[in-house]
Each structure stands twice: as C-alpha cells, then as structure tokens.
Amino acid sequence: MATSSKAKKRTVRLASGRKRARQDVKLNAANSSLRSKFRTSIKNVLKAVATGDKVKATELFKTAQGVIDSIADKGLFHKNKAARHKSRLSAKVKALAA
C-alpha cells in the first residue's frame, strides 16, 4: 500500500512551488514543440536525400541548420549534439553530389 501512495502526484503546498509547477507545464509544452520541429526538419532532409533530390536536400539542409542552431542556443540540446547532427546531415547531402 505504501508504494501506491508514493506513486500519486502530490500537490505542492507552497505558493512558489505551485507557480513552479504551472511554469513547468508551459516550458514542457514549448520544449516538446521545439523538439518536434527539430526531428521534423531532420526527417525532411533525410527524405530528400533518400529520393536523391540534391537541390531540395541542400535547401532543406539550410533551413534545418537554422532550426538545429536555435535549439542548441536555447539549451534544449548540447551544442556538440547539434554539431553532430549538422555534420552527419551535411555529409549525406554532399554524398549526393558524388
């Protein structure tokens, strides 16, 4: 029985804690939206690479770079993770030229 009561989400008593909980909901929604935008931009580039459309792939890669950089600047991902994604995507786009 003790474990089931621990599993419940407890309401915060302090006003500052309640405010923190409200803010966390908003921040979580914003971060989820940005993360989704990040994934979508990467998928779009990968789809263009898969079809072999170099022009579309380079265009989508340019927009994806901006999305990746902005998310790294906001601190959602580490800068190295952003750099890794950009590097791998650019390698795939460049491989289309060969």
PDB file of N, CA and C in Angstrom:
ATOM      1  N   MET A   1       0.807  -1.199   0.000  1.00  0.00           N
ATOM      2  CA  MET A   1       0.000   0.000   0.000  1.00  0.00           C
ATOM      3  C   MET A   1       0.848   1.260   0.000  1.00  0.00           C
ATOM      4  N   ALA A   2       1.969   1.212   0.645  1.00  0.00           N
ATOM      5  CA  ALA A   2       2.825   2.390   0.751  1.00  0.00           C
ATOM      6  C   ALA A   2       3.340   2.827  -0.621  1.00  0.00           C
ATOM      7  N   THR A   3       3.573   1.880  -1.507  1.00  0.00           N
ATOM      8  CA  THR A   3       4.104   2.230  -2.821  1.00  0.00           C
ATOM      9  C   THR A   3       3.061   2.940  -3.674  1.00  0.00           C
ATOM     10  N   SER A   4       1.782   2.571  -3.545  1.00  0.00           N
ATOM     11  CA  SER A   4       0.747   3.203  -4.354  1.00  0.00           C
ATOM     12  C   SER A   4       0.550   4.669  -3.962  1.00  0.00           C
ATOM     13  N   SER A   5       0.686   4.982  -2.662  1.00  0.00           N
ATOM     14  CA  SER A   5       0.531   6.364  -2.232  1.00  0.00           C
ATOM     15  C   SER A   5       1.709   7.221  -2.702  1.00  0.00           C
ATOM     16  N   LYS A   6       2.899   6.600  -2.806  1.00  0.00           N
ATOM     17  CA  LYS A   6       4.076   7.338  -3.290  1.00  0.00           C
ATOM     18  C   LYS A   6       3.954   7.643  -4.779  1.00  0.00           C
ATOM     19  N   ALA A   7       3.289   6.755  -5.515  1.00  0.00           N
ATOM     20  CA  ALA A   7       3.170   6.905  -6.959  1.00  0.00           C
ATOM     21  C   ALA A   7       2.271   8.078  -7.344  1.00  0.00           C
ATOM     22  N   LYS A   8       1.372   8.466  -6.437  1.00  0.00           N
ATOM     23  CA  LYS A   8       0.465   9.579  -6.717  1.00  0.00           C
ATOM     24  C   LYS A   8       1.235  10.881  -6.841  1.00  0.00           C
ATOM     25  N   LYS A   9       0.729  11.764  -7.710  1.00  0.00           N
ATOM     26  CA  LYS A   9       1.322  13.073  -7.858  1.00  0.00           C
ATOM     27  C   LYS A   9       0.812  13.947  -6.711  1.00  0.00           C
ATOM     28  N   ARG A  10       1.717  14.471  -5.906  1.00  0.00           N
ATOM     29  CA  ARG A  10       1.299  15.266  -4.761  1.00  0.00           C
ATOM     30  C   ARG A  10       1.166  16.725  -5.167  1.00  0.00           C
ATOM     31  N   THR A  11       0.205  17.402  -4.599  1.00  0.00           N
ATOM     32  CA  THR A  11       0.048  18.822  -4.862  1.00  0.00           C
ATOM     33  C   THR A  11       1.013  19.586  -3.969  1.00  0.00           C
ATOM     34  N   VAL A  12       1.543  20.637  -4.520  1.00  0.00           N
ATOM     35  CA  VAL A  12       2.525  21.439  -3.792  1.00  0.00           C
ATOM     36  C   VAL A  12       1.788  22.418  -2.889  1.00  0.00           C
ATOM     37  N   ARG A  13       2.312  22.576  -1.679  1.00  0.00           N
ATOM     38  CA  ARG A  13       1.658  23.469  -0.719  1.00  0.00           C
ATOM     39  C   ARG A  13       2.116  24.927  -0.861  1.00  0.00           C
ATOM     40  N   LEU A  14       3.392  25.111  -1.060  1.00  0.00           N
ATOM     41  CA  LEU A  14       3.924  26.472  -1.112  1.00  0.00           C
ATOM     42  C   LEU A  14       3.519  27.178  -2.407  1.00  0.00           C
ATOM     43  N   ALA A  15       3.275  28.467  -2.294  1.00  0.00           N
ATOM     44  CA  ALA A  15       2.865  29.263  -3.453  1.00  0.00           C
ATOM     45  C   ALA A  15       3.944  29.245  -4.529  1.00  0.00           C
ATOM     46  N   SER A  16       5.196  29.347  -4.093  1.00  0.00           N
ATOM     47  CA  SER A  16       6.301  29.346  -5.064  1.00  0.00           C
ATOM     48  C   SER A  16       6.384  28.008  -5.795  1.00  0.00           C
ATOM     49  N   GLY A  17       6.078  26.934  -5.075  1.00  0.00           N
ATOM     50  CA  GLY A  17       6.074  25.603  -5.681  1.00  0.00           C
ATOM     51  C   GLY A  17       4.947  25.431  -6.678  1.00  0.00           C
ATOM     52  N   ARG A  18       3.773  25.999  -6.345  1.00  0.00           N
ATOM     53  CA  ARG A  18       2.630  25.935  -7.265  1.00  0.00           C
ATOM     54  C   ARG A  18       2.939  26.707  -8.535  1.00  0.00           C
ATOM     55  N   LYS A  19       3.579  27.861  -8.369  1.00  0.00           N
ATOM     56  CA  LYS A  19       3.956  28.673  -9.536  1.00  0.00           C
ATOM     57  C   LYS A  19       4.964  27.920 -10.394  1.00  0.00           C
ATOM     58  N   ARG A  20       5.928  27.281  -9.753  1.00  0.00           N
ATOM     59  CA  ARG A  20       6.947  26.494 -10.455  1.00  0.00           C
ATOM     60  C   ARG A  20       6.279  25.388 -11.281  1.00  0.00           C
ATOM     61  N   ALA A  21       5.279  24.731 -10.689  1.00  0.00           N
ATOM     62  CA  ALA A  21       4.555  23.651 -11.373  1.00  0.00           C
ATOM     63  C   ALA A  21       3.814  24.191 -12.599  1.00  0.00           C
ATOM     64  N   ARG A  22       3.202  25.368 -12.450  1.00  0.00           N
ATOM     65  CA  ARG A  22       2.498  25.995 -13.589  1.00  0.00           C
ATOM     66  C   ARG A  22       3.487  26.312 -14.695  1.00  0.00           C
ATOM     67  N   GLN A  23       4.633  26.879 -14.319  1.00  0.00           N
ATOM     68  CA  GLN A  23       5.641  27.251 -15.307  1.00  0.00           C
ATOM     69  C   GLN A  23       6.207  26.018 -16.006  1.00  0.00           C
ATOM     70  N   ASP A  24       6.375  24.934 -15.258  1.00  0.00           N
ATOM     71  CA  ASP A  24       6.917  23.700 -15.826  1.00  0.00           C
ATOM     72  C   ASP A  24       6.018  23.157 -16.922  1.00  0.00           C
ATOM     73  N   VAL A  25       4.716  23.294 -16.752  1.00  0.00           N
ATOM     74  CA  VAL A  25       3.778  22.819 -17.769  1.00  0.00           C
ATOM     75  C   VAL A  25       3.989  23.595 -19.063  1.00  0.00           C
ATOM     76  N   LYS A  26       4.101  24.924 -18.941  1.00  0.00           N
ATOM     77  CA  LYS A  26       4.301  25.770 -20.132  1.00  0.00           C
ATOM     78  C   LYS A  26       5.647  25.487 -20.789  1.00  0.00           C
ATOM     79  N   LEU A  27       6.687  25.387 -19.970  1.00  0.00           N
ATOM     80  CA  LEU A  27       8.026  25.134 -20.507  1.00  0.00           C
ATOM     81  C   LEU A  27       8.112  23.769 -21.176  1.00  0.00           C
ATOM     82  N   ASN A  28       7.462  22.780 -20.586  1.00  0.00           N
ATOM     83  CA  ASN A  28       7.459  21.440 -21.147  1.00  0.00           C
ATOM     84  C   ASN A  28       6.785  21.438 -22.515  1.00  0.00           C
ATOM     85  N   ALA A  29       5.687  22.182 -22.644  1.00  0.00           N
ATOM     86  CA  ALA A  29       4.971  22.269 -23.911  1.00  0.00           C
ATOM     87  C   ALA A  29       5.844  22.950 -24.971  1.00  0.00           C
ATOM     88  N   ALA A  30       6.537  24.015 -24.578  1.00  0.00           N
ATOM     89  CA  ALA A  30       7.402  24.745 -25.512  1.00  0.00           C
ATOM     90  C   ALA A  30       8.565  23.876 -25.961  1.00  0.00           C
ATOM     91  N   ASN A  31       9.176  23.170 -25.004  1.00  0.00           N
ATOM     92  CA  ASN A  31      10.310  22.304 -25.333  1.00  0.00           C
ATOM     93  C   ASN A  31       9.881  21.146 -26.227  1.00  0.00           C
ATOM     94  N   SER A  32       8.708  20.582 -25.969  1.00  0.00           N
ATOM     95  CA  SER A  32       8.199  19.479 -26.786  1.00  0.00           C
ATOM     96  C   SER A  32       7.974  19.943 -28.215  1.00  0.00           C
ATOM     97  N   SER A  33       7.443  21.136 -28.364  1.00  0.00           N
ATOM     98  CA  SER A  33       7.192  21.696 -29.688  1.00  0.00           C
ATOM     99  C   SER A  33       8.505  21.892 -30.448  1.00  0.00           C
ATOM    100  N   LEU A  34       9.503  22.449 -29.760  1.00  0.00           N
ATOM    101  CA  LEU A  34      10.807  22.670 -30.395  1.00  0.00           C
ATOM    102  C   LEU A  34      11.478  21.349 -30.776  1.00  0.00           C
ATOM    103  N   ARG A  35      11.379  20.362 -29.883  1.00  0.00           N
ATOM    104  CA  ARG A  35      11.978  19.052 -30.143  1.00  0.00           C
ATOM    105  C   ARG A  35      11.338  18.409 -31.367  1.00  0.00           C
ATOM    106  N   SER A  36      10.023  18.573 -31.488  1.00  0.00           N
ATOM    107  CA  SER A  36       9.283  18.032 -32.627  1.00  0.00           C
ATOM    108  C   SER A  36       9.715  18.726 -33.920  1.00  0.00           C
ATOM    109  N   LYS A  37       9.877  20.034 -33.854  1.00  0.00           N
ATOM    110  CA  LYS A  37      10.321  20.821 -35.016  1.00  0.00           C
ATOM    111  C   LYS A  37      11.708  20.358 -35.465  1.00  0.00           C
ATOM    112  N   PHE A  38      12.576  20.097 -34.485  1.00  0.00           N
ATOM    113  CA  PHE A  38      13.937  19.606 -34.734  1.00  0.00           C
ATOM    114  C   PHE A  38      13.903  18.273 -35.482  1.00  0.00           C
ATOM    115  N   ARG A  39      13.107  17.327 -34.959  1.00  0.00           N
ATOM    116  CA  ARG A  39      13.020  15.995 -35.565  1.00  0.00           C
ATOM    117  C   ARG A  39      12.450  16.064 -36.979  1.00  0.00           C
ATOM    118  N   THR A  40      11.427  16.905 -37.157  1.00  0.00           N
ATOM    119  CA  THR A  40      10.783  17.037 -38.460  1.00  0.00           C
ATOM    120  C   THR A  40      11.753  17.583 -39.493  1.00  0.00           C
ATOM    121  N   SER A  41      12.534  18.588 -39.119  1.00  0.00           N
ATOM    122  CA  SER A  41      13.476  19.184 -40.073  1.00  0.00           C
ATOM    123  C   SER A  41      14.529  18.170 -40.504  1.00  0.00           C
ATOM    124  N   ILE A  42      14.979  17.340 -39.573  1.00  0.00           N
ATOM    125  CA  ILE A  42      15.971  16.308 -39.896  1.00  0.00           C
ATOM    126  C   ILE A  42      15.354  15.252 -40.811  1.00  0.00           C
ATOM    127  N   LYS A  43      14.129  14.836 -40.494  1.00  0.00           N
ATOM    128  CA  LYS A  43      13.447  13.828 -41.320  1.00  0.00           C
ATOM    129  C   LYS A  43      13.254  14.332 -42.748  1.00  0.00           C
ATOM    130  N   ASN A  44      12.914  15.609 -42.894  1.00  0.00           N
ATOM    131  CA  ASN A  44      12.708  16.177 -44.231  1.00  0.00           C
ATOM    132  C   ASN A  44      13.981  16.104 -45.060  1.00  0.00           C
ATOM    133  N   VAL A  45      15.108  16.425 -44.442  1.00  0.00           N
ATOM    134  CA  VAL A  45      16.389  16.362 -45.158  1.00  0.00           C
ATOM    135  C   VAL A  45      16.692  14.912 -45.547  1.00  0.00           C
ATOM    136  N   LEU A  46      16.503  13.990 -44.616  1.00  0.00           N
ATOM    137  CA  LEU A  46      16.793  12.582 -44.882  1.00  0.00           C
ATOM    138  C   LEU A  46      15.901  12.021 -45.992  1.00  0.00           C
ATOM    139  N   LYS A  47      14.640  12.455 -46.035  1.00  0.00           N
ATOM    140  CA  LYS A  47      13.734  12.011 -47.102  1.00  0.00           C
ATOM    141  C   LYS A  47      14.213  12.520 -48.454  1.00  0.00           C
ATOM    142  N   ALA A  48      14.640  13.778 -48.504  1.00  0.00           N
ATOM    143  CA  ALA A  48      15.133  14.359 -49.752  1.00  0.00           C
ATOM    144  C   ALA A  48      16.394  13.641 -50.212  1.00  0.00           C
ATOM    145  N   VAL A  49      17.253  13.284 -49.269  1.00  0.00           N
ATOM    146  CA  VAL A  49      18.479  12.542 -49.594  1.00  0.00           C
ATOM    147  C   VAL A  49      18.118  11.155 -50.124  1.00  0.00           C
ATOM    148  N   ALA A  50      17.128  10.520 -49.505  1.00  0.00           N
ATOM    149  CA  ALA A  50      16.711   9.176 -49.916  1.00  0.00           C
ATOM    150  C   ALA A  50      16.159   9.171 -51.339  1.00  0.00           C
ATOM    151  N   THR A  51      15.436  10.238 -51.697  1.00  0.00           N
ATOM    152  CA  THR A  51      14.891  10.314 -53.055  1.00  0.00           C
ATOM    153  C   THR A  51      15.955  10.710 -54.063  1.00  0.00           C
ATOM    154  N   GLY A  52      17.067  11.258 -53.588  1.00  0.00           N
ATOM    155  CA  GLY A  52      18.169  11.640 -54.471  1.00  0.00           C
ATOM    156  C   GLY A  52      18.029  13.029 -55.058  1.00  0.00           C
ATOM    157  N   ASP A  53      17.157  13.838 -54.492  1.00  0.00           N
ATOM    158  CA  ASP A  53      16.939  15.210 -54.979  1.00  0.00           C
ATOM    159  C   ASP A  53      17.935  16.154 -54.302  1.00  0.00           C
ATOM    160  N   LYS A  54      19.029  16.435 -54.994  1.00  0.00           N
ATOM    161  CA  LYS A  54      20.107  17.227 -54.395  1.00  0.00           C
ATOM    162  C   LYS A  54      19.679  18.665 -54.111  1.00  0.00           C
ATOM    163  N   VAL A  55      18.966  19.273 -55.045  1.00  0.00           N
ATOM    164  CA  VAL A  55      18.551  20.676 -54.888  1.00  0.00           C
ATOM    165  C   VAL A  55      17.653  20.835 -53.666  1.00  0.00           C
ATOM    166  N   LYS A  56      16.659  19.951 -53.568  1.00  0.00           N
ATOM    167  CA  LYS A  56      15.732  20.016 -52.432  1.00  0.00           C
ATOM    168  C   LYS A  56      16.456  19.698 -51.124  1.00  0.00           C
ATOM    169  N   ALA A  57      17.373  18.721 -51.182  1.00  0.00           N
ATOM    170  CA  ALA A  57      18.103  18.330 -49.973  1.00  0.00           C
ATOM    171  C   ALA A  57      18.958  19.481 -49.442  1.00  0.00           C
ATOM    172  N   THR A  58      19.659  20.183 -50.336  1.00  0.00           N
ATOM    173  CA  THR A  58      20.504  21.302 -49.889  1.00  0.00           C
ATOM    174  C   THR A  58      19.650  22.433 -49.326  1.00  0.00           C
ATOM    175  N   GLU A  59      18.513  22.678 -49.962  1.00  0.00           N
ATOM    176  CA  GLU A  59      17.614  23.736 -49.494  1.00  0.00           C
ATOM    177  C   GLU A  59      17.070  23.396 -48.101  1.00  0.00           C
ATOM    178  N   LEU A  60      16.618  22.150 -47.937  1.00  0.00           N
ATOM    179  CA  LEU A  60      16.095  21.722 -46.637  1.00  0.00           C
ATOM    180  C   LEU A  60      17.188  21.679 -45.573  1.00  0.00           C
ATOM    181  N   PHE A  61      18.401  21.348 -45.984  1.00  0.00           N
ATOM    182  CA  PHE A  61      19.514  21.316 -45.038  1.00  0.00           C
ATOM    183  C   PHE A  61      19.804  22.708 -44.493  1.00  0.00           C
ATOM    184  N   LYS A  62      19.713  23.714 -45.348  1.00  0.00           N
ATOM    185  CA  LYS A  62      19.948  25.088 -44.895  1.00  0.00           C
ATOM    186  C   LYS A  62      18.921  25.504 -43.838  1.00  0.00           C
ATOM    187  N   THR A  63      17.664  25.156 -44.066  1.00  0.00           N
ATOM    188  CA  THR A  63      16.637  25.504 -43.080  1.00  0.00           C
ATOM    189  C   THR A  63      16.824  24.678 -41.803  1.00  0.00           C
ATOM    190  N   ALA A  64      17.219  23.410 -41.960  1.00  0.00           N
ATOM    191  CA  ALA A  64      17.434  22.545 -40.795  1.00  0.00           C
ATOM    192  C   ALA A  64      18.578  23.065 -39.928  1.00  0.00           C
ATOM    193  N   GLN A  65      19.618  23.604 -40.567  1.00  0.00           N
ATOM    194  CA  GLN A  65      20.749  24.167 -39.811  1.00  0.00           C
ATOM    195  C   GLN A  65      20.273  25.255 -38.857  1.00  0.00           C
ATOM    196  N   GLY A  66      19.415  26.129 -39.347  1.00  0.00           N
ATOM    197  CA  GLY A  66      18.884  27.207 -38.511  1.00  0.00           C
ATOM    198  C   GLY A  66      18.093  26.672 -37.341  1.00  0.00           C
ATOM    199  N   VAL A  67      17.271  25.666 -37.604  1.00  0.00           N
ATOM    200  CA  VAL A  67      16.451  25.063 -36.546  1.00  0.00           C
ATOM    201  C   VAL A  67      17.344  24.410 -35.494  1.00  0.00           C
ATOM    202  N   ILE A  68      18.337  23.651 -35.968  1.00  0.00           N
ATOM    203  CA  ILE A  68      19.251  22.949 -35.053  1.00  0.00           C
ATOM    204  C   ILE A  68      20.030  23.935 -34.193  1.00  0.00           C
ATOM    205  N   ASP A  69      20.539  24.994 -34.828  1.00  0.00           N
ATOM    206  CA  ASP A  69      21.310  26.000 -34.088  1.00  0.00           C
ATOM    207  C   ASP A  69      20.451  26.722 -33.048  1.00  0.00           C
ATOM    208  N   SER A  70      19.226  27.074 -33.422  1.00  0.00           N
ATOM    209  CA  SER A  70      18.372  27.820 -32.489  1.00  0.00           C
ATOM    210  C   SER A  70      18.030  26.968 -31.270  1.00  0.00           C
ATOM    211  N   ILE A  71      17.830  25.676 -31.486  1.00  0.00           N
ATOM    212  CA  ILE A  71      17.510  24.787 -30.372  1.00  0.00           C
ATOM    213  C   ILE A  71      18.721  24.608 -29.451  1.00  0.00           C
ATOM    214  N   ALA A  72      19.909  24.539 -30.056  1.00  0.00           N
ATOM    215  CA  ALA A  72      21.128  24.423 -29.245  1.00  0.00           C
ATOM    216  C   ALA A  72      21.348  25.710 -28.440  1.00  0.00           C
ATOM    217  N   ASP A  73      21.060  26.855 -29.049  1.00  0.00           N
ATOM    218  CA  ASP A  73      21.222  28.138 -28.354  1.00  0.00           C
ATOM    219  C   ASP A  73      20.273  28.250 -27.168  1.00  0.00           C
ATOM    220  N   LYS A  74      19.082  27.673 -27.300  1.00  0.00           N
ATOM    221  CA  LYS A  74      18.101  27.734 -26.213  1.00  0.00           C
ATOM    222  C   LYS A  74      18.448  26.762 -25.091  1.00  0.00           C
ATOM    223  N   GLY A  75      19.396  25.859 -25.347  1.00  0.00           N
ATOM    224  CA  GLY A  75      19.830  24.932 -24.310  1.00  0.00           C
ATOM    225  C   GLY A  75      19.028  23.646 -24.251  1.00  0.00           C
ATOM    226  N   LEU A  76      18.202  23.409 -25.270  1.00  0.00           N
ATOM    227  CA  LEU A  76      17.407  22.181 -25.290  1.00  0.00           C
ATOM    228  C   LEU A  76      18.300  20.969 -25.535  1.00  0.00           C
ATOM    229  N   PHE A  77      19.301  21.156 -26.387  1.00  0.00           N
ATOM    230  CA  PHE A  77      20.309  20.130 -26.644  1.00  0.00           C
ATOM    231  C   PHE A  77      21.676  20.733 -26.420  1.00  0.00           C
ATOM    232  N   HIS A  78      22.658  19.905 -26.213  1.00  0.00           N
ATOM    233  CA  HIS A  78      24.034  20.362 -26.085  1.00  0.00           C
ATOM    234  C   HIS A  78      24.539  20.806 -27.452  1.00  0.00           C
ATOM    235  N   LYS A  79      25.452  21.756 -27.457  1.00  0.00           N
ATOM    236  CA  LYS A  79      25.996  22.278 -28.721  1.00  0.00           C
ATOM    237  C   LYS A  79      26.676  21.178 -29.529  1.00  0.00           C
ATOM    238  N   ASN A  80      27.323  20.237 -28.840  1.00  0.00           N
ATOM    239  CA  ASN A  80      28.005  19.146 -29.550  1.00  0.00           C
ATOM    240  C   ASN A  80      27.009  18.236 -30.253  1.00  0.00           C
ATOM    241  N   LYS A  81      25.858  18.028 -29.641  1.00  0.00           N
ATOM    242  CA  LYS A  81      24.824  17.201 -30.280  1.00  0.00           C
ATOM    243  C   LYS A  81      24.330  17.890 -31.545  1.00  0.00           C
ATOM    244  N   ALA A  82      24.141  19.192 -31.473  1.00  0.00           N
ATOM    245  CA  ALA A  82      23.703  19.950 -32.644  1.00  0.00           C
ATOM    246  C   ALA A  82      24.751  19.861 -33.748  1.00  0.00           C
ATOM    247  N   ALA A  83      26.012  20.024 -33.372  1.00  0.00           N
ATOM    248  CA  ALA A  83      27.106  19.964 -34.349  1.00  0.00           C
ATOM    249  C   ALA A  83      27.173  18.580 -34.994  1.00  0.00           C
ATOM    250  N   ARG A  84      26.964  17.550 -34.185  1.00  0.00           N
ATOM    251  CA  ARG A  84      26.999  16.175 -34.699  1.00  0.00           C
ATOM    252  C   ARG A  84      25.899  15.946 -35.739  1.00  0.00           C
ATOM    253  N   HIS A  85      24.695  16.418 -35.434  1.00  0.00           N
ATOM    254  CA  HIS A  85      23.581  16.263 -36.372  1.00  0.00           C
ATOM    255  C   HIS A  85      23.850  17.014 -37.674  1.00  0.00           C
ATOM    256  N   LYS A  86      24.338  18.250 -37.547  1.00  0.00           N
ATOM    257  CA  LYS A  86      24.621  19.044 -38.744  1.00  0.00           C
ATOM    258  C   LYS A  86      25.704  18.386 -39.584  1.00  0.00           C
ATOM    259  N   SER A  87      26.726  17.867 -38.930  1.00  0.00           N
ATOM    260  CA  SER A  87      27.834  17.231 -39.626  1.00  0.00           C
ATOM    261  C   SER A  87      27.364  16.006 -40.409  1.00  0.00           C
ATOM    262  N   ARG A  88      26.571  15.175 -39.774  1.00  0.00           N
ATOM    263  CA  ARG A  88      26.094  13.954 -40.423  1.00  0.00           C
ATOM    264  C   ARG A  88      25.148  14.265 -41.567  1.00  0.00           C
ATOM    265  N   LEU A  89      24.284  15.272 -41.376  1.00  0.00           N
ATOM    266  CA  LEU A  89      23.375  15.646 -42.454  1.00  0.00           C
ATOM    267  C   LEU A  89      24.131  16.222 -43.640  1.00  0.00           C
ATOM    268  N   SER A  90      25.120  17.081 -43.373  1.00  0.00           N
ATOM    269  CA  SER A  90      25.888  17.680 -44.464  1.00  0.00           C
ATOM    270  C   SER A  90      26.677  16.628 -45.231  1.00  0.00           C
ATOM    271  N   ALA A  91      27.174  15.620 -44.528  1.00  0.00           N
ATOM    272  CA  ALA A  91      27.896  14.527 -45.200  1.00  0.00           C
ATOM    273  C   ALA A  91      26.969  13.783 -46.142  1.00  0.00           C
ATOM    274  N   LYS A  92      25.731  13.552 -45.721  1.00  0.00           N
ATOM    275  CA  LYS A  92      24.776  12.842 -46.580  1.00  0.00           C
ATOM    276  C   LYS A  92      24.381  13.682 -47.788  1.00  0.00           C
ATOM    277  N   VAL A  93      24.228  14.989 -47.574  1.00  0.00           N
ATOM    278  CA  VAL A  93      23.870  15.888 -48.684  1.00  0.00           C
ATOM    279  C   VAL A  93      25.034  15.957 -49.680  1.00  0.00           C
ATOM    280  N   LYS A  94      26.251  16.054 -49.157  1.00  0.00           N
ATOM    281  CA  LYS A  94      27.428  16.121 -50.034  1.00  0.00           C
ATOM    282  C   LYS A  94      27.635  14.829 -50.807  1.00  0.00           C
ATOM    283  N   ALA A  95      27.257  13.701 -50.205  1.00  0.00           N
ATOM    284  CA  ALA A  95      27.408  12.398 -50.863  1.00  0.00           C
ATOM    285  C   ALA A  95      26.512  12.295 -52.100  1.00  0.00           C
ATOM    286  N   LEU A  96      25.440  13.092 -52.138  1.00  0.00           N
ATOM    287  CA  LEU A  96      24.556  13.090 -53.320  1.00  0.00           C
ATOM    288  C   LEU A  96      25.273  13.623 -54.546  1.00  0.00           C
ATOM    289  N   ALA A  97      26.166  14.575 -54.338  1.00  0.00           N
ATOM    290  CA  ALA A  97      26.884  15.187 -55.470  1.00  0.00           C
ATOM    291  C   ALA A  97      27.789  14.186 -56.159  1.00  0.00           C
ATOM    292  N   ALA A  98      28.378  13.274 -55.383  1.00  0.00           N
ATOM    293  CA  ALA A  98      29.326  12.305 -55.942  1.00  0.00           C
ATOM    294  C   ALA A  98      28.631  11.229 -56.759  1.00  0.00           C
TER     295      ALA A  98
END
